[in-house]
Amino acid sequence: VVADTAAFGWSRTGVDARLPALLGDPQWQPYVV
C-alpha cells in the first residue's frame, strides 16, 4: 500500500548501512513507533 516502504532484517550484532543512511536523510522525519 505505501510506496515508500523500506524493509531491513534486524541483527543484534550488525546493521545494514542503508538503514542509518535512510534515517539520516533530511527529507524524512523519523519516529520509532
PDB file of all heavy atoms in Angstrom:
ATOM      1  N   VAL A   1       0.817  -1.221   0.000  1.00  0.00           N
ATOM      2  CA  VAL A   1       0.000   0.000   0.000  1.00  0.00           C
ATOM      3  C   VAL A   1       0.848   1.268   0.000  1.00  0.00           C
ATOM      4  O   VAL A   1       0.546   2.227  -0.718  1.00  0.00           O
ATOM      5  CB  VAL A   1      -0.958  -0.002   1.217  1.00  0.00           C
ATOM      6  CG1 VAL A   1      -1.729   1.316   1.310  1.00  0.00           C
ATOM      7  CG2 VAL A   1      -1.926  -1.177   1.129  1.00  0.00           C
ATOM      8  N   VAL A   2       1.895   1.304   0.820  1.00  0.00           N
ATOM      9  CA  VAL A   2       2.714   2.510   0.979  1.00  0.00           C
ATOM     10  C   VAL A   2       3.943   2.388   0.076  1.00  0.00           C
ATOM     11  O   VAL A   2       4.828   1.559   0.324  1.00  0.00           O
ATOM     12  CB  VAL A   2       3.140   2.699   2.448  1.00  0.00           C
ATOM     13  CG1 VAL A   2       3.986   3.959   2.603  1.00  0.00           C
ATOM     14  CG2 VAL A   2       1.909   2.780   3.349  1.00  0.00           C
ATOM     15  N   ALA A   3       4.005   3.203  -0.931  1.00  0.00           N
ATOM     16  CA  ALA A   3       5.086   3.090  -1.921  1.00  0.00           C
ATOM     17  C   ALA A   3       6.457   3.262  -1.282  1.00  0.00           C
ATOM     18  O   ALA A   3       7.407   2.545  -1.625  1.00  0.00           O
ATOM     19  CB  ALA A   3       4.878   4.114  -3.030  1.00  0.00           C
ATOM     20  N   ASP A   4       6.579   4.205  -0.363  1.00  0.00           N
ATOM     21  CA  ASP A   4       7.869   4.461   0.285  1.00  0.00           C
ATOM     22  C   ASP A   4       7.991   3.611   1.552  1.00  0.00           C
ATOM     23  O   ASP A   4       7.980   4.131   2.675  1.00  0.00           O
ATOM     24  CB  ASP A   4       8.027   5.948   0.608  1.00  0.00           C
ATOM     25  CG  ASP A   4       8.303   6.773  -0.636  1.00  0.00           C
ATOM     26  OD1 ASP A   4       9.179   6.381  -1.430  1.00  0.00           O
ATOM     27  OD2 ASP A   4       7.628   7.799  -0.827  1.00  0.00           O
ATOM     28  N   THR A   5       8.076   2.311   1.349  1.00  0.00           N
ATOM     29  CA  THR A   5       8.314   1.373   2.445  1.00  0.00           C
ATOM     30  C   THR A   5       9.697   0.760   2.259  1.00  0.00           C
ATOM     31  O   THR A   5      10.011   0.246   1.189  1.00  0.00           O
ATOM     32  CB  THR A   5       7.261   0.256   2.482  1.00  0.00           C
ATOM     33  OG1 THR A   5       5.970   0.817   2.758  1.00  0.00           O
ATOM     34  CG2 THR A   5       7.590  -0.771   3.560  1.00  0.00           C
ATOM     35  N   ALA A   6      10.500   0.840   3.310  1.00  0.00           N
ATOM     36  CA  ALA A   6      11.807   0.181   3.335  1.00  0.00           C
ATOM     37  C   ALA A   6      11.731  -0.973   4.321  1.00  0.00           C
ATOM     38  O   ALA A   6      10.961  -0.927   5.286  1.00  0.00           O
ATOM     39  CB  ALA A   6      12.899   1.162   3.742  1.00  0.00           C
ATOM     40  N   ALA A   7      12.514  -2.019   4.102  1.00  0.00           N
ATOM     41  CA  ALA A   7      12.500  -3.179   4.989  1.00  0.00           C
ATOM     42  C   ALA A   7      13.923  -3.668   5.198  1.00  0.00           C
ATOM     43  O   ALA A   7      14.673  -3.839   4.237  1.00  0.00           O
ATOM     44  CB  ALA A   7      11.634  -4.303   4.406  1.00  0.00           C
ATOM     45  N   PHE A   8      14.286  -3.884   6.464  1.00  0.00           N
ATOM     46  CA  PHE A   8      15.624  -4.342   6.822  1.00  0.00           C
ATOM     47  C   PHE A   8      15.511  -5.490   7.813  1.00  0.00           C
ATOM     48  O   PHE A   8      14.679  -5.460   8.722  1.00  0.00           O
ATOM     49  CB  PHE A   8      16.436  -3.209   7.467  1.00  0.00           C
ATOM     50  CG  PHE A   8      16.603  -2.007   6.589  1.00  0.00           C
ATOM     51  CD1 PHE A   8      15.740  -0.926   6.692  1.00  0.00           C
ATOM     52  CD2 PHE A   8      17.618  -1.950   5.641  1.00  0.00           C
ATOM     53  CE1 PHE A   8      15.878   0.190   5.876  1.00  0.00           C
ATOM     54  CE2 PHE A   8      17.775  -0.835   4.821  1.00  0.00           C
ATOM     55  CZ  PHE A   8      16.903   0.233   4.942  1.00  0.00           C
ATOM     56  N   GLY A   9      16.366  -6.480   7.645  1.00  0.00           N
ATOM     57  CA  GLY A   9      16.465  -7.532   8.651  1.00  0.00           C
ATOM     58  C   GLY A   9      17.200  -6.998   9.872  1.00  0.00           C
ATOM     59  O   GLY A   9      18.177  -6.248   9.737  1.00  0.00           O
ATOM     60  N   TRP A  10      16.721  -7.365  11.051  1.00  0.00           N
ATOM     61  CA  TRP A  10      17.341  -6.878  12.290  1.00  0.00           C
ATOM     62  C   TRP A  10      18.366  -7.879  12.800  1.00  0.00           C
ATOM     63  O   TRP A  10      18.136  -9.092  12.770  1.00  0.00           O
ATOM     64  CB  TRP A  10      16.290  -6.654  13.372  1.00  0.00           C
ATOM     65  CG  TRP A  10      16.882  -6.095  14.635  1.00  0.00           C
ATOM     66  CD1 TRP A  10      17.130  -4.781  14.921  1.00  0.00           C
ATOM     67  CD2 TRP A  10      17.297  -6.836  15.796  1.00  0.00           C
ATOM     68  NE1 TRP A  10      17.682  -4.652  16.169  1.00  0.00           N
ATOM     69  CE2 TRP A  10      17.803  -5.896  16.732  1.00  0.00           C
ATOM     70  CE3 TRP A  10      17.314  -8.198  16.124  1.00  0.00           C
ATOM     71  CZ2 TRP A  10      18.293  -6.284  17.974  1.00  0.00           C
ATOM     72  CZ3 TRP A  10      17.809  -8.575  17.360  1.00  0.00           C
ATOM     73  CH2 TRP A  10      18.291  -7.626  18.270  1.00  0.00           C
ATOM     74  N   SER A  11      19.486  -7.355  13.268  1.00  0.00           N
ATOM     75  CA  SER A  11      20.525  -8.175  13.890  1.00  0.00           C
ATOM     76  C   SER A  11      21.075  -7.442  15.100  1.00  0.00           C
ATOM     77  O   SER A  11      21.274  -6.220  15.055  1.00  0.00           O
ATOM     78  CB  SER A  11      21.655  -8.459  12.894  1.00  0.00           C
ATOM     79  OG  SER A  11      22.761  -9.064  13.550  1.00  0.00           O
ATOM     80  N   ARG A  12      21.326  -8.175  16.160  1.00  0.00           N
ATOM     81  CA  ARG A  12      21.885  -7.561  17.369  1.00  0.00           C
ATOM     82  C   ARG A  12      23.328  -7.128  17.157  1.00  0.00           C
ATOM     83  O   ARG A  12      23.808  -6.184  17.796  1.00  0.00           O
ATOM     84  CB  ARG A  12      21.812  -8.554  18.536  1.00  0.00           C
ATOM     85  CG  ARG A  12      22.299  -7.997  19.870  1.00  0.00           C
ATOM     86  CD  ARG A  12      22.175  -9.044  20.960  1.00  0.00           C
ATOM     87  NE  ARG A  12      22.951 -10.230  20.681  1.00  0.00           N
ATOM     88  CZ  ARG A  12      24.269 -10.342  20.933  1.00  0.00           C
ATOM     89  NH1 ARG A  12      24.938  -9.321  21.453  1.00  0.00           N
ATOM     90  NH2 ARG A  12      24.912 -11.464  20.666  1.00  0.00           N
ATOM     91  N   THR A  13      24.046  -7.795  16.264  1.00  0.00           N
ATOM     92  CA  THR A  13      25.485  -7.565  16.122  1.00  0.00           C
ATOM     93  C   THR A  13      25.871  -6.695  14.933  1.00  0.00           C
ATOM     94  O   THR A  13      27.048  -6.394  14.748  1.00  0.00           O
ATOM     95  CB  THR A  13      26.219  -8.909  15.991  1.00  0.00           C
ATOM     96  OG1 THR A  13      25.695  -9.627  14.866  1.00  0.00           O
ATOM     97  CG2 THR A  13      26.026  -9.739  17.260  1.00  0.00           C
ATOM     98  N   GLY A  14      24.921  -6.313  14.103  1.00  0.00           N
ATOM     99  CA  GLY A  14      25.268  -5.507  12.948  1.00  0.00           C
ATOM    100  C   GLY A  14      24.060  -4.768  12.417  1.00  0.00           C
ATOM    101  O   GLY A  14      22.923  -5.031  12.819  1.00  0.00           O
ATOM    102  N   VAL A  15      24.319  -3.820  11.515  1.00  0.00           N
ATOM    103  CA  VAL A  15      23.231  -3.045  10.930  1.00  0.00           C
ATOM    104  C   VAL A  15      23.539  -2.807   9.456  1.00  0.00           C
ATOM    105  O   VAL A  15      24.680  -2.538   9.075  1.00  0.00           O
ATOM    106  CB  VAL A  15      23.044  -1.703  11.683  1.00  0.00           C
ATOM    107  CG1 VAL A  15      24.326  -0.894  11.688  1.00  0.00           C
ATOM    108  CG2 VAL A  15      21.905  -0.895  11.082  1.00  0.00           C
ATOM    109  N   ASP A  16      22.541  -2.961   8.635  1.00  0.00           N
ATOM    110  CA  ASP A  16      22.661  -2.683   7.211  1.00  0.00           C
ATOM    111  C   ASP A  16      22.993  -1.195   7.039  1.00  0.00           C
ATOM    112  O   ASP A  16      22.292  -0.329   7.580  1.00  0.00           O
ATOM    113  CB  ASP A  16      21.319  -3.012   6.534  1.00  0.00           C
ATOM    114  CG  ASP A  16      21.374  -2.950   5.023  1.00  0.00           C
ATOM    115  OD1 ASP A  16      22.021  -2.021   4.488  1.00  0.00           O
ATOM    116  OD2 ASP A  16      20.746  -3.803   4.370  1.00  0.00           O
ATOM    117  N   ALA A  17      24.040  -0.876   6.294  1.00  0.00           N
ATOM    118  CA  ALA A  17      24.483   0.511   6.131  1.00  0.00           C
ATOM    119  C   ALA A  17      23.404   1.386   5.506  1.00  0.00           C
ATOM    120  O   ALA A  17      23.405   2.617   5.688  1.00  0.00           O
ATOM    121  CB  ALA A  17      25.744   0.551   5.278  1.00  0.00           C
ATOM    122  N   ARG A  18      22.472   0.784   4.794  1.00  0.00           N
ATOM    123  CA  ARG A  18      21.405   1.564   4.171  1.00  0.00           C
ATOM    124  C   ARG A  18      20.420   2.104   5.202  1.00  0.00           C
ATOM    125  O   ARG A  18      19.730   3.106   4.939  1.00  0.00           O
ATOM    126  CB  ARG A  18      20.665   0.705   3.148  1.00  0.00           C
ATOM    127  CG  ARG A  18      21.500   0.275   1.949  1.00  0.00           C
ATOM    128  CD  ARG A  18      20.766  -0.748   1.106  1.00  0.00           C
ATOM    129  NE  ARG A  18      20.548  -2.000   1.849  1.00  0.00           N
ATOM    130  CZ  ARG A  18      19.870  -3.033   1.364  1.00  0.00           C
ATOM    131  NH1 ARG A  18      19.341  -2.964   0.139  1.00  0.00           N
ATOM    132  NH2 ARG A  18      19.729  -4.142   2.088  1.00  0.00           N
ATOM    133  N   LEU A  19      20.341   1.458   6.381  1.00  0.00           N
ATOM    134  CA  LEU A  19      19.386   1.898   7.394  1.00  0.00           C
ATOM    135  C   LEU A  19      19.773   3.245   8.005  1.00  0.00           C
ATOM    136  O   LEU A  19      18.952   4.179   7.982  1.00  0.00           O
ATOM    137  CB  LEU A  19      19.228   0.822   8.463  1.00  0.00           C
ATOM    138  CG  LEU A  19      18.331   1.184   9.661  1.00  0.00           C
ATOM    139  CD1 LEU A  19      16.955   1.621   9.200  1.00  0.00           C
ATOM    140  CD2 LEU A  19      18.237   0.003  10.622  1.00  0.00           C
ATOM    141  N   PRO A  20      20.966   3.417   8.585  1.00  0.00           N
ATOM    142  CA  PRO A  20      21.310   4.744   9.105  1.00  0.00           C
ATOM    143  C   PRO A  20      21.309   5.817   8.026  1.00  0.00           C
ATOM    144  O   PRO A  20      21.018   6.986   8.311  1.00  0.00           O
ATOM    145  CB  PRO A  20      22.702   4.546   9.712  1.00  0.00           C
ATOM    146  CG  PRO A  20      23.210   3.262   9.184  1.00  0.00           C
ATOM    147  CD  PRO A  20      22.024   2.430   8.863  1.00  0.00           C
ATOM    148  N   ALA A  21      21.625   5.443   6.781  1.00  0.00           N
ATOM    149  CA  ALA A  21      21.560   6.417   5.691  1.00  0.00           C
ATOM    150  C   ALA A  21      20.126   6.899   5.490  1.00  0.00           C
ATOM    151  O   ALA A  21      19.880   8.099   5.274  1.00  0.00           O
ATOM    152  CB  ALA A  21      22.111   5.805   4.411  1.00  0.00           C
ATOM    153  N   LEU A  22      19.176   5.975   5.572  1.00  0.00           N
ATOM    154  CA  LEU A  22      17.767   6.352   5.446  1.00  0.00           C
ATOM    155  C   LEU A  22      17.338   7.240   6.603  1.00  0.00           C
ATOM    156  O   LEU A  22      16.683   8.272   6.403  1.00  0.00           O
ATOM    157  CB  LEU A  22      16.905   5.085   5.398  1.00  0.00           C
ATOM    158  CG  LEU A  22      15.385   5.306   5.398  1.00  0.00           C
ATOM    159  CD1 LEU A  22      14.941   5.997   4.109  1.00  0.00           C
ATOM    160  CD2 LEU A  22      14.651   3.974   5.578  1.00  0.00           C
ATOM    161  N   LEU A  23      17.708   6.864   7.814  1.00  0.00           N
ATOM    162  CA  LEU A  23      17.295   7.622   8.992  1.00  0.00           C
ATOM    163  C   LEU A  23      17.908   9.021   9.001  1.00  0.00           C
ATOM    164  O   LEU A  23      17.343   9.944   9.594  1.00  0.00           O
ATOM    165  CB  LEU A  23      17.687   6.873  10.267  1.00  0.00           C
ATOM    166  CG  LEU A  23      17.095   5.465  10.430  1.00  0.00           C
ATOM    167  CD1 LEU A  23      17.524   4.859  11.756  1.00  0.00           C
ATOM    168  CD2 LEU A  23      15.581   5.490  10.313  1.00  0.00           C
ATOM    169  N   GLY A  24      19.063   9.176   8.363  1.00  0.00           N
ATOM    170  CA  GLY A  24      19.719  10.474   8.319  1.00  0.00           C
ATOM    171  C   GLY A  24      19.353  11.324   7.123  1.00  0.00           C
ATOM    172  O   GLY A  24      19.817  12.466   6.998  1.00  0.00           O
ATOM    173  N   ASP A  25      18.524  10.790   6.227  1.00  0.00           N
ATOM    174  CA  ASP A  25      18.116  11.537   5.034  1.00  0.00           C
ATOM    175  C   ASP A  25      17.240  12.718   5.465  1.00  0.00           C
ATOM    176  O   ASP A  25      16.211  12.524   6.118  1.00  0.00           O
ATOM    177  CB  ASP A  25      17.334  10.603   4.109  1.00  0.00           C
ATOM    178  CG  ASP A  25      17.018  11.227   2.755  1.00  0.00           C
ATOM    179  OD1 ASP A  25      16.861  12.462   2.674  1.00  0.00           O
ATOM    180  OD2 ASP A  25      16.930  10.472   1.775  1.00  0.00           O
ATOM    181  N   PRO A  26      17.613  13.948   5.109  1.00  0.00           N
ATOM    182  CA  PRO A  26      16.872  15.123   5.606  1.00  0.00           C
ATOM    183  C   PRO A  26      15.439  15.224   5.124  1.00  0.00           C
ATOM    184  O   PRO A  26      14.664  16.013   5.696  1.00  0.00           O
ATOM    185  CB  PRO A  26      17.721  16.303   5.096  1.00  0.00           C
ATOM    186  CG  PRO A  26      18.516  15.765   3.957  1.00  0.00           C
ATOM    187  CD  PRO A  26      18.781  14.329   4.292  1.00  0.00           C
ATOM    188  N   GLN A  27      15.070  14.457   4.093  1.00  0.00           N
ATOM    189  CA  GLN A  27      13.670  14.534   3.650  1.00  0.00           C
ATOM    190  C   GLN A  27      12.726  13.839   4.626  1.00  0.00           C
ATOM    191  O   GLN A  27      11.523  14.068   4.589  1.00  0.00           O
ATOM    192  CB  GLN A  27      13.515  13.909   2.260  1.00  0.00           C
ATOM    193  CG  GLN A  27      13.562  12.397   2.227  1.00  0.00           C
ATOM    194  CD  GLN A  27      13.078  11.810   0.923  1.00  0.00           C
ATOM    195  OE1 GLN A  27      11.963  12.094   0.467  1.00  0.00           O
ATOM    196  NE2 GLN A  27      13.932  11.015   0.292  1.00  0.00           N
ATOM    197  N   TRP A  28      13.290  13.005   5.504  1.00  0.00           N
ATOM    198  CA  TRP A  28      12.454  12.209   6.398  1.00  0.00           C
ATOM    199  C   TRP A  28      12.478  12.740   7.835  1.00  0.00           C
ATOM    200  O   TRP A  28      13.497  13.246   8.306  1.00  0.00           O
ATOM    201  CB  TRP A  28      12.900  10.749   6.402  1.00  0.00           C
ATOM    202  CG  TRP A  28      12.698  10.051   5.104  1.00  0.00           C
ATOM    203  CD1 TRP A  28      13.651   9.571   4.249  1.00  0.00           C
ATOM    204  CD2 TRP A  28      11.438   9.757   4.486  1.00  0.00           C
ATOM    205  NE1 TRP A  28      13.080   8.993   3.159  1.00  0.00           N
ATOM    206  CE2 TRP A  28      11.720   9.088   3.271  1.00  0.00           C
ATOM    207  CE3 TRP A  28      10.105   9.988   4.837  1.00  0.00           C
ATOM    208  CZ2 TRP A  28      10.719   8.660   2.405  1.00  0.00           C
ATOM    209  CZ3 TRP A  28       9.112   9.555   3.980  1.00  0.00           C
ATOM    210  CH2 TRP A  28       9.418   8.897   2.790  1.00  0.00           C
ATOM    211  N   GLN A  29      11.368  12.566   8.500  1.00  0.00           N
ATOM    212  CA  GLN A  29      11.190  12.920   9.906  1.00  0.00           C
ATOM    213  C   GLN A  29      10.860  11.619  10.653  1.00  0.00           C
ATOM    214  O   GLN A  29       9.713  11.214  10.755  1.00  0.00           O
ATOM    215  CB  GLN A  29      10.041  13.927  10.031  1.00  0.00           C
ATOM    216  CG  GLN A  29       9.755  14.423  11.431  1.00  0.00           C
ATOM    217  CD  GLN A  29       8.577  15.394  11.424  1.00  0.00           C
ATOM    218  OE1 GLN A  29       8.184  15.899  10.373  1.00  0.00           O
ATOM    219  NE2 GLN A  29       8.009  15.647  12.582  1.00  0.00           N
ATOM    220  N   PRO A  30      11.887  10.918  11.171  1.00  0.00           N
ATOM    221  CA  PRO A  30      11.657   9.569  11.705  1.00  0.00           C
ATOM    222  C   PRO A  30      10.992   9.549  13.086  1.00  0.00           C
ATOM    223  O   PRO A  30      11.274  10.394  13.943  1.00  0.00           O
ATOM    224  CB  PRO A  30      13.071   8.971  11.790  1.00  0.00           C
ATOM    225  CG  PRO A  30      13.981   9.935  11.086  1.00  0.00           C
ATOM    226  CD  PRO A  30      13.320  11.264  11.171  1.00  0.00           C
ATOM    227  N   TYR A  31      10.143   8.550  13.279  1.00  0.00           N
ATOM    228  CA  TYR A  31       9.540   8.243  14.575  1.00  0.00           C
ATOM    229  C   TYR A  31       9.677   6.742  14.812  1.00  0.00           C
ATOM    230  O   TYR A  31       9.307   5.945  13.938  1.00  0.00           O
ATOM    231  CB  TYR A  31       8.051   8.585  14.618  1.00  0.00           C
ATOM    232  CG  TYR A  31       7.709  10.044  14.545  1.00  0.00           C
ATOM    233  CD1 TYR A  31       7.491  10.656  13.313  1.00  0.00           C
ATOM    234  CD2 TYR A  31       7.574  10.812  15.700  1.00  0.00           C
ATOM    235  CE1 TYR A  31       7.150  12.004  13.230  1.00  0.00           C
ATOM    236  CE2 TYR A  31       7.234  12.153  15.633  1.00  0.00           C
ATOM    237  CZ  TYR A  31       7.023  12.740  14.395  1.00  0.00           C
ATOM    238  OH  TYR A  31       6.692  14.074  14.326  1.00  0.00           O
ATOM    239  N   VAL A  32      10.168   6.352  15.968  1.00  0.00           N
ATOM    240  CA  VAL A  32      10.129   4.944  16.361  1.00  0.00           C
ATOM    241  C   VAL A  32       8.761   4.701  16.992  1.00  0.00           C
ATOM    242  O   VAL A  32       8.393   5.376  17.957  1.00  0.00           O
ATOM    243  CB  VAL A  32      11.235   4.594  17.376  1.00  0.00           C
ATOM    244  CG1 VAL A  32      11.189   3.111  17.716  1.00  0.00           C
ATOM    245  CG2 VAL A  32      12.600   4.982  16.840  1.00  0.00           C
ATOM    246  N   VAL A  33       8.020   3.771  16.454  1.00  0.00           N
ATOM    247  CA  VAL A  33       6.672   3.511  16.961  1.00  0.00           C
ATOM    248  C   VAL A  33       6.755   2.375  17.972  1.00  0.00           C
ATOM    249  O   VAL A  33       7.016   1.215  17.612  1.00  0.00           O
ATOM    250  CB  VAL A  33       5.714   3.168  15.807  1.00  0.00           C
ATOM    251  CG1 VAL A  33       4.293   2.987  16.341  1.00  0.00           C
ATOM    252  CG2 VAL A  33       5.755   4.252  14.739  1.00  0.00           C
TER     253      VAL A  33
END
